[in-house]
């Protein structure tokens, strides 16, 4: 069994490193006065499991009947083919209508379903940033119409993909990357339950796994299981070396070579084609910088950009500005 599933949190108490966000979500669940929610943060930080725990806290044994999860990424990447192959939507899907029309019909249908032993039900959009602008505009009207009997929860790694008309109607929660200490402590806990499979993993190997995870607990657990099942640690560096890290290194080389258009295309590819958040792009780019350069001015520019990304509406502009500033101030 995959450890990421075996050790998936089932209660709020089992979610680590997100005390403030979890406390507020649990408080809203216990009060019963739950608004629409926008849950954002990097991958592997506990967003989806927190929403699952919220549903169980609200509905108890009725959580399954009162919760609908719509995979927005699959739906809008695969289109009508996804709907045709999914039995959940067989009674709603209309082949002759457009994808947007079908999406609106599906959302309205689930939003209008009567909650069982509860005042409202919840509809969760996983990968909500994949929702097109037209789909989000339609959701705005559906949220207004069914607000008495349905709450909408948007879960995404990229908050800038959500239009203001939606985000302004939601209570925001941000799940930050987990600290190295929190991840290492949890990995030690898993190793304590998985012996002898985890026996023989040194402190240095554990530290490498934590650093490779970059705040992503799911990635850390996956790497730990792979290492525990291997004869030695020779492939650990290779397992943690991703294609995104190579693109980040290429982007840095392009900036150093005064090829800004190429660097910008690589940043955009990491976000659009690989689905990385701006924070994850910054993490990969920071790792590339640490390998190739030791200039305090460069780290200062990265720190300022990282700060701006948490407060901006357009991540692409901030990354482009960072590339231009590095090219001008560092590589002149």
Protein backbone atom coordinates (compact mmCIF):
# COMPACT_ATOMS: atom_id res chain seq x y z
CA UNK A 1 0.00 0.00 0.00
CA UNK A 2 1.25 3.49 -0.80
CA UNK A 3 2.34 5.30 2.32
CA UNK A 4 0.83 8.57 1.11
CA UNK A 5 -2.58 6.87 1.35
CA UNK A 6 -1.83 4.82 4.47
CA UNK A 7 -0.79 7.92 6.39
CA UNK A 8 -3.32 10.31 4.88
CA UNK A 9 -4.87 12.35 7.73
CA UNK A 10 -8.41 11.35 8.69
CA UNK A 11 -8.98 14.06 11.34
CA UNK A 12 -7.99 17.68 11.87
CA UNK A 13 -5.62 16.60 14.64
CA UNK A 14 -3.58 14.51 12.20
CA UNK A 15 -2.88 17.45 9.85
CA UNK A 16 0.58 18.79 10.67
CA UNK A 17 2.15 22.20 10.16
CA UNK A 18 -1.07 24.12 9.43
CA UNK A 19 -2.34 24.87 12.92
CA UNK A 20 -3.78 28.32 12.24
CA UNK A 21 -5.68 27.43 9.06
CA UNK A 22 -6.92 24.13 10.48
CA UNK A 23 -8.07 25.80 13.70
CA UNK A 24 -10.13 28.35 11.79
CA UNK A 25 -11.66 25.77 9.45
CA UNK A 26 -12.54 23.50 12.37
CA UNK A 27 -14.07 26.44 14.25
CA UNK A 28 -16.25 27.31 11.26
CA UNK A 29 -17.33 23.67 10.95
CA UNK A 30 -18.28 23.39 14.61
CA UNK A 31 -20.21 26.65 14.56
CA UNK A 32 -22.14 25.51 11.50
CA UNK A 33 -21.87 29.00 9.97
CA UNK A 34 -19.69 28.03 7.05
CA UNK A 35 -19.23 30.49 4.16
CA UNK A 36 -17.90 29.65 0.72
CA UNK A 37 -14.17 28.83 0.94
CA UNK A 38 -11.08 29.43 -1.17
CA UNK A 39 -8.31 27.06 -0.04
CA UNK A 40 -4.93 27.77 -1.63
CA UNK A 41 -1.32 26.71 -1.18
CA UNK A 42 1.40 24.56 -2.74
CA UNK A 43 0.95 20.85 -3.42
CA UNK A 44 1.27 18.42 -0.52
CA UNK A 45 0.45 20.89 2.25
CA UNK A 46 -2.88 19.45 3.40
CA UNK A 47 -5.51 21.43 1.47
CA UNK A 48 -7.64 18.54 0.24
CA UNK A 49 -7.44 16.51 3.45
CA UNK A 50 -8.49 19.57 5.45
CA UNK A 51 -11.59 19.90 3.26
CA UNK A 52 -12.31 16.18 3.70
CA UNK A 53 -12.04 16.59 7.47
CA UNK A 54 -14.32 19.61 7.23
CA UNK A 55 -16.99 17.50 5.53
CA UNK A 56 -16.75 14.79 8.18
CA UNK A 57 -16.94 17.39 10.95
CA UNK A 58 -20.02 18.97 9.38
CA UNK A 59 -21.98 15.91 8.31
CA UNK A 60 -20.59 12.91 10.21
CA UNK A 61 -21.85 9.69 8.61
CA UNK A 62 -23.68 11.74 5.98
CA UNK A 63 -20.45 13.28 4.64
CA UNK A 64 -20.54 11.17 1.46
CA UNK A 65 -24.13 12.08 0.62
CA UNK A 66 -23.69 15.78 1.36
CA UNK A 67 -20.38 16.29 -0.46
CA UNK A 68 -19.66 16.47 -4.18
CA UNK A 69 -16.12 16.71 -5.54
CA UNK A 70 -15.64 17.99 -9.10
CA UNK A 71 -12.16 17.55 -10.59
CA UNK A 72 -11.90 20.80 -12.51
CA UNK A 73 -8.48 20.01 -14.00
CA UNK A 74 -9.63 16.72 -15.54
CA UNK A 75 -12.88 18.22 -16.73
CA UNK A 76 -11.43 21.23 -18.54
CA UNK A 77 -8.32 19.50 -19.84
CA UNK A 78 -10.16 16.45 -21.26
CA UNK A 79 -13.40 18.24 -22.11
CA UNK A 80 -16.54 16.35 -23.07
CA UNK A 81 -14.54 13.12 -23.37
CA UNK A 82 -14.14 13.20 -19.58
CA UNK A 83 -17.89 13.57 -19.08
CA UNK A 84 -18.69 10.80 -21.53
CA UNK A 85 -16.44 8.35 -19.70
CA UNK A 86 -17.60 9.23 -16.19
CA UNK A 87 -20.67 7.38 -14.91
CA UNK A 88 -21.27 10.05 -12.26
CA UNK A 89 -22.48 12.45 -14.92
CA UNK A 90 -24.32 10.03 -17.21
CA UNK A 91 -27.76 11.23 -16.06
CA UNK A 92 -26.84 14.92 -16.56
CA UNK A 93 -24.51 14.95 -19.55
CA UNK A 94 -25.99 16.17 -22.84
CA UNK A 95 -23.87 15.31 -25.84
CA UNK A 96 -25.32 17.96 -28.12
CA UNK A 97 -24.46 20.81 -25.71
CA UNK A 98 -21.12 22.55 -25.18
CA UNK A 99 -18.69 21.77 -22.38
CA UNK A 100 -19.56 25.02 -20.61
CA UNK A 101 -23.28 24.30 -20.83
CA UNK A 102 -22.76 20.81 -19.46
CA UNK A 103 -20.59 22.19 -16.65
CA UNK A 104 -23.33 24.62 -15.65
CA UNK A 105 -25.95 21.87 -15.74
CA UNK A 106 -23.80 19.58 -13.59
CA UNK A 107 -23.02 22.28 -11.04
CA UNK A 108 -26.64 23.42 -10.81
CA UNK A 109 -27.81 19.83 -10.40
CA UNK A 110 -25.48 19.07 -7.50
CA UNK A 111 -26.05 22.48 -5.90
CA UNK A 112 -29.81 21.93 -5.97
CA UNK A 113 -29.72 18.45 -4.40
CA UNK A 114 -31.42 18.56 -1.02
CA UNK A 115 -28.97 18.09 1.89
CA UNK A 116 -29.55 15.08 4.16
CA UNK A 117 -29.91 15.91 7.86
CA UNK A 118 -28.10 19.21 7.35
CA UNK A 119 -28.81 22.83 6.48
CA UNK A 120 -26.59 22.75 3.42
CA UNK A 121 -24.30 20.53 1.35
CA UNK A 122 -20.87 21.35 -0.09
CA UNK A 123 -19.55 21.22 -3.64
CA UNK A 124 -15.74 21.06 -3.89
CA UNK A 125 -13.76 22.07 -6.97
CA UNK A 126 -10.34 20.42 -6.93
CA UNK A 127 -7.82 22.20 -9.15
CA UNK A 128 -10.15 25.19 -9.26
CA UNK A 129 -7.68 27.38 -11.17
CA UNK A 130 -8.35 25.16 -14.21
CA UNK A 131 -11.88 26.57 -14.39
CA UNK A 132 -12.17 28.86 -17.38
CA UNK A 133 -13.19 32.47 -16.94
CA UNK A 134 -16.61 31.76 -18.47
CA UNK A 135 -17.11 28.83 -16.11
CA UNK A 136 -16.24 30.99 -13.13
CA UNK A 137 -18.62 33.72 -14.26
CA UNK A 138 -21.35 31.10 -14.44
CA UNK A 139 -20.43 29.84 -10.97
CA UNK A 140 -20.81 33.34 -9.56
CA UNK A 141 -24.49 33.34 -10.48
CA UNK A 142 -25.00 29.75 -9.27
CA UNK A 143 -23.40 30.63 -5.91
CA UNK A 144 -25.86 33.48 -5.48
CA UNK A 145 -28.86 31.35 -6.37
CA UNK A 146 -28.09 28.33 -4.18
CA UNK A 147 -26.28 29.98 -1.25
CA UNK A 148 -28.94 28.90 1.25
CA UNK A 149 -28.60 25.18 0.61
CA UNK A 150 -25.09 24.80 -0.79
CA UNK A 151 -21.56 25.97 -0.01
CA UNK A 152 -18.80 26.02 -2.61
CA UNK A 153 -15.19 25.19 -1.78
CA UNK A 154 -12.43 26.03 -4.27
CA UNK A 155 -9.14 24.18 -3.78
CA UNK A 156 -6.19 25.32 -5.87
CA UNK A 157 -2.43 25.76 -5.91
CA UNK A 158 -2.74 28.96 -7.93
CA UNK A 159 -4.96 31.61 -6.39
CA UNK A 160 -4.39 34.02 -9.29
CA UNK A 161 -6.43 31.65 -11.47
CA UNK A 162 -9.58 32.55 -9.52
CA UNK A 163 -11.41 35.66 -10.71
CA UNK A 164 -12.19 38.43 -8.16
CA UNK A 165 -15.93 37.83 -8.51
CA UNK A 166 -15.40 34.36 -7.01
CA UNK A 167 -12.58 35.06 -4.53
CA UNK A 168 -14.43 38.03 -3.02
CA UNK A 169 -17.33 35.73 -2.14
CA UNK A 170 -15.08 33.23 -0.34
CA UNK A 171 -13.28 33.08 2.97
CA UNK A 172 -9.61 32.51 2.03
CA UNK A 173 -7.30 29.97 3.68
CA UNK A 174 -3.65 29.64 2.76
CA UNK A 175 -1.71 26.44 3.42
CA UNK A 176 1.99 27.28 3.56
CA UNK A 177 4.81 24.89 2.63
CA UNK A 178 5.62 22.73 5.63
CA UNK A 179 8.77 23.44 7.60
CA UNK A 180 11.70 21.05 7.38
CA UNK A 181 11.27 20.19 11.06
CA UNK A 182 7.61 19.28 10.65
CA UNK A 183 8.32 17.06 7.64
CA UNK A 184 11.29 15.34 9.27
CA UNK A 185 9.29 14.65 12.43
CA UNK A 186 6.50 13.05 10.43
CA UNK A 187 8.92 10.95 8.40
CA UNK A 188 10.48 9.70 11.65
CA UNK A 189 7.00 8.79 12.84
CA UNK A 190 6.34 6.80 9.66
CA UNK A 191 9.69 5.02 9.91
CA UNK A 192 8.84 4.03 13.46
CA UNK A 193 5.75 2.22 12.19
CA UNK A 194 7.27 0.74 9.04
CA UNK A 195 10.28 -1.10 10.45
CA UNK A 196 12.05 -3.14 9.25
CA UNK A 197 11.19 -1.60 5.85
CA UNK A 198 12.53 1.78 6.91
CA UNK A 199 15.56 0.46 8.81
CA UNK A 200 18.97 1.62 7.57
CA UNK A 201 17.97 5.12 6.45
CA UNK A 202 20.62 7.50 7.77
CA UNK A 203 20.09 11.01 9.10
CA UNK A 204 21.84 12.43 6.03
CA UNK A 205 19.49 10.56 3.70
CA UNK A 206 16.48 11.78 5.67
CA UNK A 207 17.79 15.33 5.45
CA UNK A 208 18.20 14.98 1.68
CA UNK A 209 14.61 13.76 1.35
CA UNK A 210 13.33 16.70 3.41
CA UNK A 211 15.26 19.23 1.31
CA UNK A 212 14.17 17.58 -1.95
CA UNK A 213 10.53 17.75 -0.86
CA UNK A 214 10.65 21.54 -0.54
CA UNK A 215 7.74 21.76 1.89
CA UNK A 216 5.67 19.10 0.08
CA UNK A 217 4.86 16.39 2.64
CA UNK A 218 3.32 14.08 0.03
CA UNK A 219 6.51 14.17 -2.04
CA UNK A 220 8.60 13.54 1.07
CA UNK A 221 6.59 10.47 2.02
CA UNK A 222 6.81 9.12 -1.52
CA UNK A 223 10.60 9.56 -1.59
CA UNK A 224 10.86 7.93 1.83
CA UNK A 225 8.96 4.85 0.68
CA UNK A 226 11.06 4.58 -2.48
CA UNK A 227 14.26 4.82 -0.42
CA UNK A 228 12.98 2.30 2.15
CA UNK A 229 12.37 -0.23 -0.61
CA UNK A 230 15.76 0.27 -2.27
CA UNK A 231 18.98 -1.57 -1.47
CA UNK A 232 20.98 1.64 -1.11
CA UNK A 233 20.71 5.40 -1.43
CA UNK A 234 22.61 5.72 -4.71
CA UNK A 235 19.50 6.73 -6.65
CA UNK A 236 18.10 9.15 -4.09
CA UNK A 237 19.51 12.25 -5.75
CA UNK A 238 18.19 11.10 -9.12
CA UNK A 239 14.70 10.46 -7.71
CA UNK A 240 14.56 13.97 -6.30
CA UNK A 241 15.87 15.56 -9.53
CA UNK A 242 12.85 16.63 -11.55
CA UNK A 243 12.37 17.97 -15.05
CA UNK A 244 11.17 21.22 -13.51
CA UNK A 245 14.55 21.68 -11.81
CA UNK A 246 16.30 21.30 -15.16
CA UNK A 247 14.00 23.91 -16.74
CA UNK A 248 14.68 26.27 -13.83
CA UNK A 249 18.41 25.83 -14.41
CA UNK A 250 17.94 26.54 -18.11
CA UNK A 251 15.96 29.68 -17.26
CA UNK A 252 18.81 30.91 -15.08
CA UNK A 253 21.31 30.23 -17.86
CA UNK A 254 19.12 32.14 -20.31
CA UNK A 255 19.00 35.15 -17.96
CA UNK A 256 22.78 35.02 -17.53
CA UNK A 257 23.09 34.98 -21.31
CA UNK A 258 20.80 38.03 -21.69
CA UNK A 259 18.14 35.91 -23.42
CA UNK A 260 15.12 37.19 -21.50
CA UNK A 261 12.45 35.93 -23.93
CA UNK A 262 13.75 32.38 -23.54
CA UNK A 263 13.84 32.66 -19.74
CA UNK A 264 10.29 34.02 -19.64
CA UNK A 265 9.04 31.19 -21.88
CA UNK A 266 10.59 28.67 -19.49
CA UNK A 267 8.90 30.25 -16.46
CA UNK A 268 5.57 30.22 -18.29
CA UNK A 269 6.07 26.59 -19.37
CA UNK A 270 6.65 25.52 -15.78
CA UNK A 271 3.35 27.09 -14.74
CA UNK A 272 1.18 26.33 -17.76
CA UNK A 273 2.51 23.01 -19.05
CA UNK A 274 3.75 21.50 -15.78
CA UNK A 275 1.06 22.99 -13.53
CA UNK A 276 3.47 24.48 -11.00
CA UNK A 277 2.44 27.39 -8.82
CA UNK A 278 4.51 30.56 -8.79
CA UNK A 279 5.81 29.53 -5.37
CA UNK A 280 6.95 26.18 -6.72
CA UNK A 281 8.64 27.92 -9.66
CA UNK A 282 10.47 30.16 -7.19
CA UNK A 283 11.53 27.13 -5.16
CA UNK A 284 12.98 25.41 -8.23
CA UNK A 285 14.65 28.62 -9.38
CA UNK A 286 16.13 29.21 -5.92
CA UNK A 287 17.59 25.70 -5.96
CA UNK A 288 19.17 26.43 -9.36
CA UNK A 289 20.63 29.68 -8.04
CA UNK A 290 22.14 27.93 -5.02
CA UNK A 291 23.91 25.46 -7.29
CA UNK A 292 25.42 27.97 -9.68
CA UNK A 293 25.82 31.35 -7.99
CA UNK A 294 26.74 32.82 -4.63
CA UNK A 295 25.68 36.44 -4.89
CA UNK A 296 23.73 38.06 -2.00
CA UNK A 297 22.13 40.51 -4.44
CA UNK A 298 20.58 37.59 -6.30
CA UNK A 299 19.09 36.14 -3.12
CA UNK A 300 17.73 39.56 -2.22
CA UNK A 301 15.92 39.82 -5.56
CA UNK A 302 14.43 36.35 -5.10
CA UNK A 303 13.26 37.24 -1.59
CA UNK A 304 11.54 40.43 -2.80
CA UNK A 305 9.86 38.58 -5.66
CA UNK A 306 8.67 35.83 -3.33
CA UNK A 307 7.14 38.50 -1.07
CA UNK A 308 5.39 40.21 -3.96
CA UNK A 309 3.98 36.94 -5.27
CA UNK A 310 1.95 36.51 -2.09
CA UNK A 311 0.27 39.88 -2.68
CA UNK A 312 -0.06 40.15 -6.45
CA UNK A 313 -2.82 39.43 -8.94
CA UNK A 314 -0.57 38.49 -11.84
CA UNK A 315 2.21 36.01 -11.11
CA UNK A 316 3.56 36.12 -14.66
CA UNK A 317 4.35 39.84 -14.47
CA UNK A 318 6.25 39.39 -11.20
CA UNK A 319 8.35 36.51 -12.57
CA UNK A 320 9.08 38.46 -15.75
CA UNK A 321 10.10 41.49 -13.67
CA UNK A 322 12.39 39.29 -11.58
CA UNK A 323 14.11 37.93 -14.69
CA UNK A 324 14.62 41.43 -16.09
CA UNK A 325 15.98 42.73 -12.80
CA UNK A 326 18.44 39.83 -12.43
CA UNK A 327 19.65 40.32 -15.99
CA UNK A 328 20.21 44.04 -15.44
CA UNK A 329 21.59 44.14 -11.89
CA UNK A 330 23.51 40.86 -11.66
CA UNK A 331 24.63 40.01 -15.17
CA UNK A 332 24.62 43.60 -16.51
